Amino acid sequence: EKLNLLREKYACGRPLCCSESNDISAEVGRPAEDCYISLLEFDTEKFLEDNNIENGSSLAAIFEYEGKRILWLADSVPSVIINALSLMGYSEGKRFQCSTVILAHHGSVMNNSAELLKMIDADKYIISADGINRYCLPNKETIARLVATSVKRPVEIFFNHNDGRIVRMFAVDDNVGLDELVNIHFINENEAIDI
């Protein structure tokens, strides 16, 4: 259904691989820096889903190998993943068990809802973002949702970039027992994560 929306959008005779820079759907939100808000101050249930057609057509996948399971959310939207997990028999009461989740859309607050995260039980979460982009991704509110919904403490979060913005993101959380809530890892160049 979401892929058909993308096909309809680009059905004007040009191939999908043509330049789309002028026609990319706008996200429903606006860039907002939220790293100065404490992890415990967010309303983690409040949610507005990304309605970007391109992001909604992104393919998410489950990979399994030697007893390890990875949920790769790509640029997906939560409603689609929630529906898919529900069809597989998962819910908040029966969470999808996996070793690692690669969070959707660089940790965007509009692509990682509390409702979705309540359906997942993971050992590790990966956020692929450099922190220096016009949408201020990853959003700290996404990390607050992980803290609020995870059954494990501290929540293991891996970032693939160690830039100043992501490091500073948690400066205001020193007084809330940050080490008990999250265990932050920055992956260095040529370093691998044991999933």
Protein backbone atom coordinates (compact mmCIF):
# COMPACT_ATOMS: atom_id res chain seq x y z
CA GLU A 1 0.00 0.00 0.00
CA LYS A 2 2.76 2.46 0.94
CA LEU A 3 4.86 1.42 -2.04
CA ASN A 4 1.89 2.07 -4.32
CA LEU A 5 1.71 5.65 -3.03
CA LEU A 6 5.31 6.09 -4.12
CA ARG A 7 4.56 4.56 -7.53
CA GLU A 8 1.61 6.90 -7.98
CA LYS A 9 3.72 9.90 -7.02
CA TYR A 10 6.32 9.04 -9.67
CA ALA A 11 3.88 7.75 -12.29
CA CYS A 12 4.24 10.76 -14.57
CA GLY A 13 6.38 8.79 -17.01
CA ARG A 14 9.77 9.31 -15.47
CA PRO A 15 11.73 6.50 -13.89
CA LEU A 16 11.98 6.45 -10.10
CA CYS A 17 15.72 6.97 -10.28
CA CYS A 18 15.33 10.41 -11.88
CA SER A 19 16.07 13.52 -9.88
CA GLU A 20 13.48 13.85 -7.17
CA SER A 21 15.06 16.65 -5.14
CA ASN A 22 12.32 19.15 -5.99
CA ASP A 23 9.49 16.72 -5.41
CA ILE A 24 10.36 14.98 -2.14
CA SER A 25 7.47 15.02 0.32
CA ALA A 26 7.82 17.31 3.29
CA GLU A 27 7.91 15.76 6.72
CA VAL A 28 5.04 16.59 9.07
CA GLY A 29 7.34 18.07 11.67
CA ARG A 30 9.92 20.78 11.65
CA PRO A 31 13.54 20.65 12.70
CA ALA A 32 13.78 21.06 16.46
CA GLU A 33 16.76 20.80 18.73
CA ASP A 34 15.66 18.87 21.80
CA CYS A 35 18.98 17.91 23.36
CA TYR A 36 18.60 20.51 26.11
CA ILE A 37 15.55 18.73 27.54
CA SER A 38 16.14 16.07 30.20
CA LEU A 39 15.35 12.47 29.22
CA LEU A 40 12.70 12.26 31.93
CA GLU A 41 10.85 15.43 30.88
CA PHE A 42 9.49 14.23 27.52
CA ASP A 43 5.89 13.16 26.99
CA THR A 44 6.91 9.87 25.38
CA GLU A 45 3.33 8.87 24.44
CA LYS A 46 2.70 11.98 22.34
CA PHE A 47 3.33 11.09 18.72
CA LEU A 48 2.90 12.47 15.21
CA GLU A 49 3.89 10.01 12.44
CA ASP A 50 6.08 10.97 9.50
CA ASN A 51 3.80 11.20 6.45
CA ASN A 52 6.67 11.45 3.95
CA ILE A 53 5.79 9.18 1.01
CA GLU A 54 9.41 8.20 0.38
CA ASN A 55 10.01 7.21 4.01
CA GLY A 56 6.71 5.31 4.17
CA SER A 57 7.80 3.16 1.24
CA SER A 58 11.10 2.16 2.82
CA LEU A 59 11.68 -1.56 3.36
CA ALA A 60 12.24 -2.80 6.89
CA ALA A 61 13.54 -6.31 7.49
CA ILE A 62 14.23 -8.98 10.08
CA PHE A 63 17.55 -10.78 9.77
CA GLU A 64 18.30 -14.00 11.63
CA TYR A 65 21.64 -15.74 11.79
CA GLU A 66 23.09 -18.23 14.27
CA GLY A 67 20.47 -17.51 16.91
CA LYS A 68 20.71 -13.72 16.58
CA ARG A 69 17.84 -11.63 15.31
CA ILE A 70 18.15 -8.04 14.00
CA LEU A 71 15.23 -5.75 13.30
CA TRP A 72 16.31 -3.19 10.72
CA LEU A 73 13.70 -0.42 10.52
CA ALA A 74 15.30 1.63 7.71
CA ASP A 75 13.19 4.76 7.07
CA SER A 76 9.92 3.01 7.85
CA VAL A 77 6.93 4.46 9.68
CA PRO A 78 5.72 2.87 12.93
CA SER A 79 2.13 2.16 11.84
CA VAL A 80 3.36 -0.22 9.13
CA ILE A 81 5.79 -2.03 11.46
CA ILE A 82 3.19 -2.25 14.26
CA ASN A 83 0.74 -3.81 11.82
CA ALA A 84 3.35 -6.30 10.57
CA LEU A 85 4.43 -7.31 14.08
CA SER A 86 0.77 -7.65 15.12
CA LEU A 87 0.12 -9.96 12.15
CA MET A 88 3.08 -12.05 13.37
CA GLY A 89 1.41 -12.37 16.79
CA TYR A 90 3.40 -9.75 18.72
CA SER A 91 2.03 -7.09 21.04
CA GLU A 92 3.00 -5.10 24.11
CA GLY A 93 2.22 -8.21 26.16
CA LYS A 94 4.19 -10.51 23.83
CA ARG A 95 7.15 -8.49 22.63
CA PHE A 96 9.22 -9.27 19.55
CA GLN A 97 12.53 -10.57 20.92
CA CYS A 98 15.70 -9.57 19.10
CA SER A 99 19.33 -8.92 19.83
CA THR A 100 19.55 -5.63 17.95
CA VAL A 101 17.27 -2.96 16.51
CA ILE A 102 18.50 -0.40 14.02
CA LEU A 103 16.10 2.45 14.76
CA ALA A 104 14.12 4.05 11.96
CA HIS A 105 15.11 7.18 10.08
CA HIS A 106 18.27 8.12 12.01
CA GLY A 107 16.41 8.13 15.34
CA SER A 108 13.68 10.52 14.19
CA VAL A 109 10.95 11.17 16.74
CA MET A 110 8.37 10.82 13.93
CA ASN A 111 9.52 7.32 12.94
CA ASN A 112 9.95 5.64 16.36
CA SER A 113 6.78 5.71 18.44
CA ALA A 114 6.37 4.48 22.01
CA GLU A 115 3.61 2.16 20.74
CA LEU A 116 6.11 0.46 18.42
CA LEU A 117 8.92 0.33 20.97
CA LYS A 118 6.57 -1.31 23.50
CA MET A 119 6.26 -4.24 21.08
CA ILE A 120 10.03 -4.85 20.97
CA ASP A 121 12.45 -6.37 23.48
CA ALA A 122 16.01 -5.84 22.28
CA ASP A 123 19.46 -6.05 23.84
CA LYS A 124 20.92 -3.24 21.73
CA TYR A 125 19.71 -0.29 19.71
CA ILE A 126 21.68 1.35 16.89
CA ILE A 127 21.16 4.90 15.69
CA SER A 128 22.83 5.74 12.42
CA ALA A 129 23.20 9.53 12.34
CA ASP A 130 25.95 12.06 12.59
CA GLY A 131 23.95 14.60 14.59
CA ILE A 132 24.81 17.38 12.17
CA ASN A 133 21.87 17.63 9.80
CA ARG A 134 19.00 20.03 9.16
CA TYR A 135 16.45 17.87 11.03
CA CYS A 136 18.56 17.61 14.22
CA LEU A 137 18.60 13.81 14.05
CA PRO A 138 18.73 11.80 16.15
CA ASN A 139 16.03 13.33 18.30
CA LYS A 140 16.62 12.98 22.01
CA GLU A 141 12.90 12.32 22.45
CA THR A 142 13.39 9.00 20.63
CA ILE A 143 15.95 8.01 23.25
CA ALA A 144 13.53 9.09 25.98
CA ARG A 145 10.95 6.74 24.40
CA LEU A 146 13.47 3.90 24.51
CA VAL A 147 14.09 4.56 28.20
CA ALA A 148 10.35 4.74 28.91
CA THR A 149 9.45 1.55 27.04
CA SER A 150 12.44 -0.78 27.42
CA VAL A 151 12.26 -3.74 29.80
CA LYS A 152 16.05 -3.65 30.20
CA ARG A 153 18.12 -1.12 32.12
CA PRO A 154 20.34 0.50 31.20
CA VAL A 155 19.29 0.69 27.55
CA GLU A 156 22.28 -0.11 25.31
CA ILE A 157 22.48 2.48 22.53
CA PHE A 158 25.14 2.58 19.83
CA PHE A 159 25.83 5.62 17.66
CA ASN A 160 27.89 5.35 14.50
CA HIS A 161 29.28 8.88 14.92
CA ASN A 162 30.92 10.57 17.87
CA ASP A 163 30.26 14.21 17.13
CA GLY A 164 29.84 17.08 19.52
CA ARG A 165 26.07 17.40 19.30
CA ILE A 166 25.37 13.79 20.27
CA VAL A 167 27.92 13.96 23.08
CA ARG A 168 26.36 17.18 24.42
CA MET A 169 22.87 15.70 24.11
CA PHE A 170 23.10 14.14 27.57
CA ALA A 171 24.86 16.97 29.43
CA VAL A 172 21.61 18.06 31.12
CA ASP A 173 20.96 14.52 32.39
CA ASP A 174 23.84 14.25 34.85
CA ASN A 175 21.49 14.68 37.81
CA VAL A 176 18.95 12.00 36.77
CA GLY A 177 21.18 8.94 37.12
CA LEU A 178 21.97 8.74 33.41
CA ASP A 179 24.16 5.64 33.81
CA GLU A 180 21.17 3.72 35.20
CA LEU A 181 18.99 4.72 32.23
CA VAL A 182 21.26 4.42 29.18
CA ASN A 183 24.63 3.02 28.28
CA ILE A 184 25.87 5.07 25.34
CA HIS A 185 28.49 3.71 22.95
CA PHE A 186 30.13 5.50 20.05
CA ILE A 187 31.41 3.25 17.29
CA ASN A 188 34.80 4.21 15.95
CA GLU A 189 35.85 3.88 12.35
CA ASN A 190 36.46 0.24 11.37
CA GLU A 191 34.90 -0.95 14.66
CA ALA A 192 32.22 -3.62 14.70
CA ILE A 193 29.36 -4.25 17.12
CA ASP A 194 28.91 -7.71 18.57
CA ILE A 195 25.24 -8.26 17.95
